[in-house]
Amino acid sequence: MYLHLGKGTVVSEKTIVGIFDLDITSQSHLTRAFLAAAEQAGEVENAADDIPKSFVVCRDGEQRTVFLSQMSCQTLLKRAAEGLK
């Protein structure tokens, strides 16, 4: 199954490592360091037209990608659950 993250970006659910709330997780210095390192490595893709609310970490083999999404974690998780039915 596939998950639509916004702005025409679709990822395979098999590649998703985690879906994270950007407001809550960005309070941690570890998360900020992770996102900064991913940005420097060119691994961040913006799938948001507006201010991002969540980020999705995907891994396909050795390739890691961090997608910024304007959709909330709850919306993305609900979409993923509906795809499993």
PDB file of N, CA and C in Angstrom:
ATOM      1  N   MET A   1       0.838  -1.182   0.000  1.00  0.00           N
ATOM      2  CA  MET A   1       0.000   0.000   0.000  1.00  0.00           C
ATOM      3  C   MET A   1       0.888   1.253   0.000  1.00  0.00           C
ATOM      4  N   TYR A   2       0.270   2.351  -0.338  1.00  0.00           N
ATOM      5  CA  TYR A   2       0.975   3.624  -0.415  1.00  0.00           C
ATOM      6  C   TYR A   2       0.296   4.656   0.476  1.00  0.00           C
ATOM      7  N   LEU A   3       1.084   5.616   0.926  1.00  0.00           N
ATOM      8  CA  LEU A   3       0.579   6.672   1.792  1.00  0.00           C
ATOM      9  C   LEU A   3       0.854   8.021   1.145  1.00  0.00           C
ATOM     10  N   HIS A   4      -0.205   8.820   0.969  1.00  0.00           N
ATOM     11  CA  HIS A   4      -0.073  10.161   0.404  1.00  0.00           C
ATOM     12  C   HIS A   4       0.303  11.121   1.523  1.00  0.00           C
ATOM     13  N   LEU A   5       1.437  11.825   1.348  1.00  0.00           N
ATOM     14  CA  LEU A   5       1.940  12.740   2.372  1.00  0.00           C
ATOM     15  C   LEU A   5       1.580  14.192   2.099  1.00  0.00           C
ATOM     16  N   GLY A   6       1.092  14.471   0.909  1.00  0.00           N
ATOM     17  CA  GLY A   6       0.773  15.844   0.537  1.00  0.00           C
ATOM     18  C   GLY A   6       1.621  16.303  -0.620  1.00  0.00           C
ATOM     19  N   LYS A   7       1.139  17.315  -1.329  1.00  0.00           N
ATOM     20  CA  LYS A   7       1.872  17.941  -2.432  1.00  0.00           C
ATOM     21  C   LYS A   7       2.287  16.906  -3.487  1.00  0.00           C
ATOM     22  N   GLY A   8       1.420  15.905  -3.697  1.00  0.00           N
ATOM     23  CA  GLY A   8       1.687  14.892  -4.715  1.00  0.00           C
ATOM     24  C   GLY A   8       2.733  13.859  -4.332  1.00  0.00           C
ATOM     25  N   THR A   9       3.147  13.842  -3.090  1.00  0.00           N
ATOM     26  CA  THR A   9       4.160  12.898  -2.639  1.00  0.00           C
ATOM     27  C   THR A   9       3.502  11.651  -2.059  1.00  0.00           C
ATOM     28  N   VAL A  10       3.887  10.504  -2.607  1.00  0.00           N
ATOM     29  CA  VAL A  10       3.352   9.222  -2.171  1.00  0.00           C
ATOM     30  C   VAL A  10       4.527   8.308  -1.862  1.00  0.00           C
ATOM     31  N   VAL A  11       4.446   7.601  -0.728  1.00  0.00           N
ATOM     32  CA  VAL A  11       5.518   6.665  -0.360  1.00  0.00           C
ATOM     33  C   VAL A  11       4.912   5.294  -0.089  1.00  0.00           C
ATOM     34  N   SER A  12       5.716   4.282  -0.305  1.00  0.00           N
ATOM     35  CA  SER A  12       5.292   2.922   0.013  1.00  0.00           C
ATOM     36  C   SER A  12       5.302   2.753   1.527  1.00  0.00           C
ATOM     37  N   GLU A  13       4.234   2.164   2.057  1.00  0.00           N
ATOM     38  CA  GLU A  13       4.159   1.970   3.512  1.00  0.00           C
ATOM     39  C   GLU A  13       5.255   1.028   4.012  1.00  0.00           C
ATOM     40  N   LYS A  14       5.785   0.191   3.125  1.00  0.00           N
ATOM     41  CA  LYS A  14       6.861  -0.737   3.505  1.00  0.00           C
ATOM     42  C   LYS A  14       8.151  -0.010   3.858  1.00  0.00           C
ATOM     43  N   THR A  15       8.321   1.204   3.323  1.00  0.00           N
ATOM     44  CA  THR A  15       9.561   1.946   3.561  1.00  0.00           C
ATOM     45  C   THR A  15       9.494   2.849   4.785  1.00  0.00           C
ATOM     46  N   ILE A  16       8.306   3.019   5.372  1.00  0.00           N
ATOM     47  CA  ILE A  16       8.139   3.958   6.483  1.00  0.00           C
ATOM     48  C   ILE A  16       8.740   3.394   7.767  1.00  0.00           C
ATOM     49  N   VAL A  17       9.654   4.151   8.344  1.00  0.00           N
ATOM     50  CA  VAL A  17      10.269   3.803   9.626  1.00  0.00           C
ATOM     51  C   VAL A  17       9.455   4.406  10.763  1.00  0.00           C
ATOM     52  N   GLY A  18       8.991   5.638  10.586  1.00  0.00           N
ATOM     53  CA  GLY A  18       8.215   6.295  11.631  1.00  0.00           C
ATOM     54  C   GLY A  18       7.566   7.574  11.143  1.00  0.00           C
ATOM     55  N   ILE A  19       6.482   7.939  11.839  1.00  0.00           N
ATOM     56  CA  ILE A  19       5.762   9.182  11.587  1.00  0.00           C
ATOM     57  C   ILE A  19       5.796   9.973  12.887  1.00  0.00           C
ATOM     58  N   PHE A  20       6.268  11.214  12.820  1.00  0.00           N
ATOM     59  CA  PHE A  20       6.527  11.990  14.025  1.00  0.00           C
ATOM     60  C   PHE A  20       5.864  13.356  13.966  1.00  0.00           C
ATOM     61  N   ASP A  21       5.356  13.814  15.104  1.00  0.00           N
ATOM     62  CA  ASP A  21       4.773  15.142  15.248  1.00  0.00           C
ATOM     63  C   ASP A  21       5.919  16.143  15.357  1.00  0.00           C
ATOM     64  N   LEU A  22       5.959  17.080  14.447  1.00  0.00           N
ATOM     65  CA  LEU A  22       7.077  18.027  14.391  1.00  0.00           C
ATOM     66  C   LEU A  22       7.097  18.964  15.593  1.00  0.00           C
ATOM     67  N   ASP A  23       5.933  19.404  16.075  1.00  0.00           N
ATOM     68  CA  ASP A  23       5.889  20.330  17.217  1.00  0.00           C
ATOM     69  C   ASP A  23       6.417  19.677  18.490  1.00  0.00           C
ATOM     70  N   ILE A  24       6.008  18.454  18.731  1.00  0.00           N
ATOM     71  CA  ILE A  24       6.407  17.770  19.963  1.00  0.00           C
ATOM     72  C   ILE A  24       7.861  17.319  19.897  1.00  0.00           C
ATOM     73  N   THR A  25       8.241  16.669  18.797  1.00  0.00           N
ATOM     74  CA  THR A  25       9.592  16.097  18.724  1.00  0.00           C
ATOM     75  C   THR A  25      10.680  17.142  18.546  1.00  0.00           C
ATOM     76  N   SER A  26      10.353  18.289  17.954  1.00  0.00           N
ATOM     77  CA  SER A  26      11.393  19.295  17.732  1.00  0.00           C
ATOM     78  C   SER A  26      11.809  20.001  19.026  1.00  0.00           C
ATOM     79  N   GLN A  27      11.137  19.701  20.133  1.00  0.00           N
ATOM     80  CA  GLN A  27      11.555  20.241  21.423  1.00  0.00           C
ATOM     81  C   GLN A  27      12.823  19.558  21.919  1.00  0.00           C
ATOM     82  N   SER A  28      13.095  18.381  21.406  1.00  0.00           N
ATOM     83  CA  SER A  28      14.280  17.628  21.817  1.00  0.00           C
ATOM     84  C   SER A  28      15.496  18.049  20.981  1.00  0.00           C
ATOM     85  N   HIS A  29      16.620  18.251  21.646  1.00  0.00           N
ATOM     86  CA  HIS A  29      17.845  18.613  20.919  1.00  0.00           C
ATOM     87  C   HIS A  29      18.307  17.458  20.025  1.00  0.00           C
ATOM     88  N   LEU A  30      17.984  16.233  20.391  1.00  0.00           N
ATOM     89  CA  LEU A  30      18.363  15.079  19.578  1.00  0.00           C
ATOM     90  C   LEU A  30      17.606  15.072  18.249  1.00  0.00           C
ATOM     91  N   THR A  31      16.321  15.387  18.302  1.00  0.00           N
ATOM     92  CA  THR A  31      15.529  15.438  17.075  1.00  0.00           C
ATOM     93  C   THR A  31      15.983  16.586  16.191  1.00  0.00           C
ATOM     94  N   ARG A  32      16.247  17.737  16.793  1.00  0.00           N
ATOM     95  CA  ARG A  32      16.736  18.883  16.009  1.00  0.00           C
ATOM     96  C   ARG A  32      18.062  18.542  15.343  1.00  0.00           C
ATOM     97  N   ALA A  33      18.942  17.832  16.056  1.00  0.00           N
ATOM     98  CA  ALA A  33      20.227  17.429  15.482  1.00  0.00           C
ATOM     99  C   ALA A  33      20.017  16.427  14.345  1.00  0.00           C
ATOM    100  N   PHE A  34      19.084  15.481  14.521  1.00  0.00           N
ATOM    101  CA  PHE A  34      18.781  14.505  13.478  1.00  0.00           C
ATOM    102  C   PHE A  34      18.284  15.195  12.213  1.00  0.00           C
ATOM    103  N   LEU A  35      17.330  16.131  12.383  1.00  0.00           N
ATOM    104  CA  LEU A  35      16.779  16.835  11.226  1.00  0.00           C
ATOM    105  C   LEU A  35      17.825  17.717  10.546  1.00  0.00           C
ATOM    106  N   ALA A  36      18.683  18.345  11.325  1.00  0.00           N
ATOM    107  CA  ALA A  36      19.749  19.171  10.758  1.00  0.00           C
ATOM    108  C   ALA A  36      20.732  18.313   9.955  1.00  0.00           C
ATOM    109  N   ALA A  37      21.086  17.144  10.492  1.00  0.00           N
ATOM    110  CA  ALA A  37      22.001  16.238   9.794  1.00  0.00           C
ATOM    111  C   ALA A  37      21.365  15.715   8.504  1.00  0.00           C
ATOM    112  N   ALA A  38      20.071  15.392   8.562  1.00  0.00           N
ATOM    113  CA  ALA A  38      19.368  14.922   7.366  1.00  0.00           C
ATOM    114  C   ALA A  38      19.316  16.028   6.309  1.00  0.00           C
ATOM    115  N   GLU A  39      19.103  17.256   6.745  1.00  0.00           N
ATOM    116  CA  GLU A  39      19.077  18.400   5.826  1.00  0.00           C
ATOM    117  C   GLU A  39      20.442  18.578   5.158  1.00  0.00           C
ATOM    118  N   GLN A  40      21.504  18.521   5.946  1.00  0.00           N
ATOM    119  CA  GLN A  40      22.856  18.682   5.409  1.00  0.00           C
ATOM    120  C   GLN A  40      23.211  17.574   4.427  1.00  0.00           C
ATOM    121  N   ALA A  41      22.698  16.369   4.678  1.00  0.00           N
ATOM    122  CA  ALA A  41      22.985  15.223   3.814  1.00  0.00           C
ATOM    123  C   ALA A  41      22.097  15.207   2.567  1.00  0.00           C
ATOM    124  N   GLY A  42      21.164  16.156   2.466  1.00  0.00           N
ATOM    125  CA  GLY A  42      20.270  16.220   1.322  1.00  0.00           C
ATOM    126  C   GLY A  42      19.183  15.162   1.345  1.00  0.00           C
ATOM    127  N   GLU A  43      18.822  14.709   2.533  1.00  0.00           N
ATOM    128  CA  GLU A  43      17.840  13.639   2.685  1.00  0.00           C
ATOM    129  C   GLU A  43      16.431  14.144   2.997  1.00  0.00           C
ATOM    130  N   VAL A  44      16.240  15.454   3.063  1.00  0.00           N
ATOM    131  CA  VAL A  44      14.937  16.016   3.424  1.00  0.00           C
ATOM    132  C   VAL A  44      14.199  16.454   2.161  1.00  0.00           C
ATOM    133  N   GLU A  45      12.941  16.023   2.061  1.00  0.00           N
ATOM    134  CA  GLU A  45      12.068  16.445   0.962  1.00  0.00           C
ATOM    135  C   GLU A  45      10.832  17.101   1.556  1.00  0.00           C
ATOM    136  N   ASN A  46      10.498  18.248   1.030  1.00  0.00           N
ATOM    137  CA  ASN A  46       9.356  19.002   1.534  1.00  0.00           C
ATOM    138  C   ASN A  46       8.100  18.610   0.763  1.00  0.00           C
ATOM    139  N   ALA A  47       7.158  17.974   1.450  1.00  0.00           N
ATOM    140  CA  ALA A  47       5.872  17.595   0.855  1.00  0.00           C
ATOM    141  C   ALA A  47       4.764  18.457   1.444  1.00  0.00           C
ATOM    142  N   ALA A  48       5.115  19.674   1.857  1.00  0.00           N
ATOM    143  CA  ALA A  48       4.150  20.571   2.498  1.00  0.00           C
ATOM    144  C   ALA A  48       4.038  21.865   1.697  1.00  0.00           C
ATOM    145  N   ASP A  49       2.805  22.298   1.478  1.00  0.00           N
ATOM    146  CA  ASP A  49       2.581  23.595   0.846  1.00  0.00           C
ATOM    147  C   ASP A  49       2.637  24.711   1.878  1.00  0.00           C
ATOM    148  N   ASP A  50       2.397  24.344   3.130  1.00  0.00           N
ATOM    149  CA  ASP A  50       2.317  25.306   4.226  1.00  0.00           C
ATOM    150  C   ASP A  50       3.334  24.884   5.287  1.00  0.00           C
ATOM    151  N   ILE A  51       3.163  25.353   6.489  1.00  0.00           N
ATOM    152  CA  ILE A  51       4.050  24.993   7.591  1.00  0.00           C
ATOM    153  C   ILE A  51       3.899  23.502   7.894  1.00  0.00           C
ATOM    154  N   PRO A  52       5.003  22.750   7.916  1.00  0.00           N
ATOM    155  CA  PRO A  52       4.893  21.312   8.188  1.00  0.00           C
ATOM    156  C   PRO A  52       4.457  21.023   9.621  1.00  0.00           C
ATOM    157  N   LYS A  53       3.625  19.981   9.774  1.00  0.00           N
ATOM    158  CA  LYS A  53       3.155  19.555  11.085  1.00  0.00           C
ATOM    159  C   LYS A  53       3.786  18.241  11.519  1.00  0.00           C
ATOM    160  N   SER A  54       4.303  17.499  10.550  1.00  0.00           N
ATOM    161  CA  SER A  54       4.879  16.198  10.875  1.00  0.00           C
ATOM    162  C   SER A  54       6.034  15.894   9.930  1.00  0.00           C
ATOM    163  N   PHE A  55       6.798  14.874  10.299  1.00  0.00           N
ATOM    164  CA  PHE A  55       7.807  14.372   9.371  1.00  0.00           C
ATOM    165  C   PHE A  55       7.769  12.857   9.380  1.00  0.00           C
ATOM    166  N   VAL A  56       8.070  12.295   8.217  1.00  0.00           N
ATOM    167  CA  VAL A  56       8.019  10.855   8.014  1.00  0.00           C
ATOM    168  C   VAL A  56       9.412  10.395   7.590  1.00  0.00           C
ATOM    169  N   VAL A  57       9.949   9.450   8.333  1.00  0.00           N
ATOM    170  CA  VAL A  57      11.265   8.895   8.009  1.00  0.00           C
ATOM    171  C   VAL A  57      11.039   7.604   7.230  1.00  0.00           C
ATOM    172  N   CYS A  58      11.658   7.530   6.055  1.00  0.00           N
ATOM    173  CA  CYS A  58      11.547   6.344   5.207  1.00  0.00           C
ATOM    174  C   CYS A  58      12.945   5.807   4.905  1.00  0.00           C
ATOM    175  N   ARG A  59      13.020   4.497   4.758  1.00  0.00           N
ATOM    176  CA  ARG A  59      14.285   3.859   4.380  1.00  0.00           C
ATOM    177  C   ARG A  59      13.978   2.811   3.327  1.00  0.00           C
ATOM    178  N   ASP A  60      14.680   2.958   2.206  1.00  0.00           N
ATOM    179  CA  ASP A  60      14.572   1.999   1.112  1.00  0.00           C
ATOM    180  C   ASP A  60      15.983   1.481   0.850  1.00  0.00           C
ATOM    181  N   GLY A  61      16.282   0.326   1.415  1.00  0.00           N
ATOM    182  CA  GLY A  61      17.647  -0.188   1.348  1.00  0.00           C
ATOM    183  C   GLY A  61      18.547   0.680   2.209  1.00  0.00           C
ATOM    184  N   GLU A  62      19.568   1.233   1.602  1.00  0.00           N
ATOM    185  CA  GLU A  62      20.483   2.123   2.321  1.00  0.00           C
ATOM    186  C   GLU A  62      20.089   3.590   2.196  1.00  0.00           C
ATOM    187  N   GLN A  63      19.090   3.875   1.378  1.00  0.00           N
ATOM    188  CA  GLN A  63      18.648   5.246   1.138  1.00  0.00           C
ATOM    189  C   GLN A  63      17.635   5.682   2.202  1.00  0.00           C
ATOM    190  N   ARG A  64      17.964   6.749   2.943  1.00  0.00           N
ATOM    191  CA  ARG A  64      17.046   7.309   3.933  1.00  0.00           C
ATOM    192  C   ARG A  64      16.522   8.640   3.414  1.00  0.00           C
ATOM    193  N   THR A  65      15.206   8.858   3.592  1.00  0.00           N
ATOM    194  CA  THR A  65      14.578  10.116   3.201  1.00  0.00           C
ATOM    195  C   THR A  65      13.670  10.574   4.327  1.00  0.00           C
ATOM    196  N   VAL A  66      13.728  11.868   4.629  1.00  0.00           N
ATOM    197  CA  VAL A  66      12.855  12.470   5.629  1.00  0.00           C
ATOM    198  C   VAL A  66      11.914  13.410   4.890  1.00  0.00           C
ATOM    199  N   PHE A  67      10.618  13.104   4.954  1.00  0.00           N
ATOM    200  CA  PHE A  67       9.605  13.911   4.288  1.00  0.00           C
ATOM    201  C   PHE A  67       8.933  14.826   5.308  1.00  0.00           C
ATOM    202  N   LEU A  68       8.845  16.109   4.995  1.00  0.00           N
ATOM    203  CA  LEU A  68       8.089  17.055   5.807  1.00  0.00           C
ATOM    204  C   LEU A  68       6.679  17.111   5.239  1.00  0.00           C
ATOM    205  N   SER A  69       5.672  16.997   6.092  1.00  0.00           N
ATOM    206  CA  SER A  69       4.279  16.982   5.644  1.00  0.00           C
ATOM    207  C   SER A  69       3.462  18.004   6.420  1.00  0.00           C
ATOM    208  N   GLN A  70       2.519  18.630   5.742  1.00  0.00           N
ATOM    209  CA  GLN A  70       1.634  19.584   6.417  1.00  0.00           C
ATOM    210  C   GLN A  70       0.480  18.876   7.104  1.00  0.00           C
ATOM    211  N   MET A  71       0.385  17.559   6.920  1.00  0.00           N
ATOM    212  CA  MET A  71      -0.680  16.793   7.569  1.00  0.00           C
ATOM    213  C   MET A  71      -0.235  16.359   8.963  1.00  0.00           C
ATOM    214  N   SER A  72      -1.197  16.276   9.862  1.00  0.00           N
ATOM    215  CA  SER A  72      -0.878  15.869  11.229  1.00  0.00           C
ATOM    216  C   SER A  72      -0.557  14.374  11.271  1.00  0.00           C
ATOM    217  N   CYS A  73       0.096  13.968  12.332  1.00  0.00           N
ATOM    218  CA  CYS A  73       0.404  12.539  12.544  1.00  0.00           C
ATOM    219  C   CYS A  73      -0.878  11.717  12.556  1.00  0.00           C
ATOM    220  N   GLN A  74      -1.893  12.238  13.221  1.00  0.00           N
ATOM    221  CA  GLN A  74      -3.153  11.513  13.331  1.00  0.00           C
ATOM    222  C   GLN A  74      -3.761  11.258  11.952  1.00  0.00           C
ATOM    223  N   THR A  75      -3.708  12.245  11.081  1.00  0.00           N
ATOM    224  CA  THR A  75      -4.249  12.088   9.734  1.00  0.00           C
ATOM    225  C   THR A  75      -3.469  11.040   8.963  1.00  0.00           C
ATOM    226  N   LEU A  76      -2.150  11.105   9.037  1.00  0.00           N
ATOM    227  CA  LEU A  76      -1.325  10.138   8.320  1.00  0.00           C
ATOM    228  C   LEU A  76      -1.524   8.723   8.858  1.00  0.00           C
ATOM    229  N   LEU A  77      -1.596   8.585  10.181  1.00  0.00           N
ATOM    230  CA  LEU A  77      -1.815   7.268  10.759  1.00  0.00           C
ATOM    231  C   LEU A  77      -3.185   6.716  10.401  1.00  0.00           C
ATOM    232  N   LYS A  78      -4.190   7.582  10.348  1.00  0.00           N
ATOM    233  CA  LYS A  78      -5.527   7.156   9.969  1.00  0.00           C
ATOM    234  C   LYS A  78      -5.526   6.680   8.517  1.00  0.00           C
ATOM    235  N   ARG A  79      -4.864   7.407   7.640  1.00  0.00           N
ATOM    236  CA  ARG A  79      -4.765   6.998   6.229  1.00  0.00           C
ATOM    237  C   ARG A  79      -4.058   5.662   6.098  1.00  0.00           C
ATOM    238  N   ALA A  80      -3.005   5.478   6.873  1.00  0.00           N
ATOM    239  CA  ALA A  80      -2.251   4.221   6.814  1.00  0.00           C
ATOM    240  C   ALA A  80      -3.131   3.068   7.301  1.00  0.00           C
ATOM    241  N   ALA A  81      -3.880   3.282   8.367  1.00  0.00           N
ATOM    242  CA  ALA A  81      -4.753   2.240   8.906  1.00  0.00           C
ATOM    243  C   ALA A  81      -5.862   1.895   7.928  1.00  0.00           C
ATOM    244  N   GLU A  82      -6.398   2.889   7.241  1.00  0.00           N
ATOM    245  CA  GLU A  82      -7.459   2.650   6.260  1.00  0.00           C
ATOM    246  C   GLU A  82      -6.931   1.850   5.077  1.00  0.00           C
ATOM    247  N   GLY A  83      -5.671   2.043   4.753  1.00  0.00           N
ATOM    248  CA  GLY A  83      -5.062   1.302   3.649  1.00  0.00           C
ATOM    249  C   GLY A  83      -4.859  -0.165   3.967  1.00  0.00           C
ATOM    250  N   LEU A  84      -4.803  -0.508   5.261  1.00  0.00           N
ATOM    251  CA  LEU A  84      -4.603  -1.894   5.666  1.00  0.00           C
ATOM    252  C   LEU A  84      -5.885  -2.705   5.641  1.00  0.00           C
ATOM    253  N   LYS A  85      -7.029  -2.042   5.566  1.00  0.00           N
ATOM    254  CA  LYS A  85      -8.324  -2.755   5.590  1.00  0.00           C
ATOM    255  C   LYS A  85      -8.569  -3.478   4.304  1.00  0.00           C
TER     256      LYS A  85
END
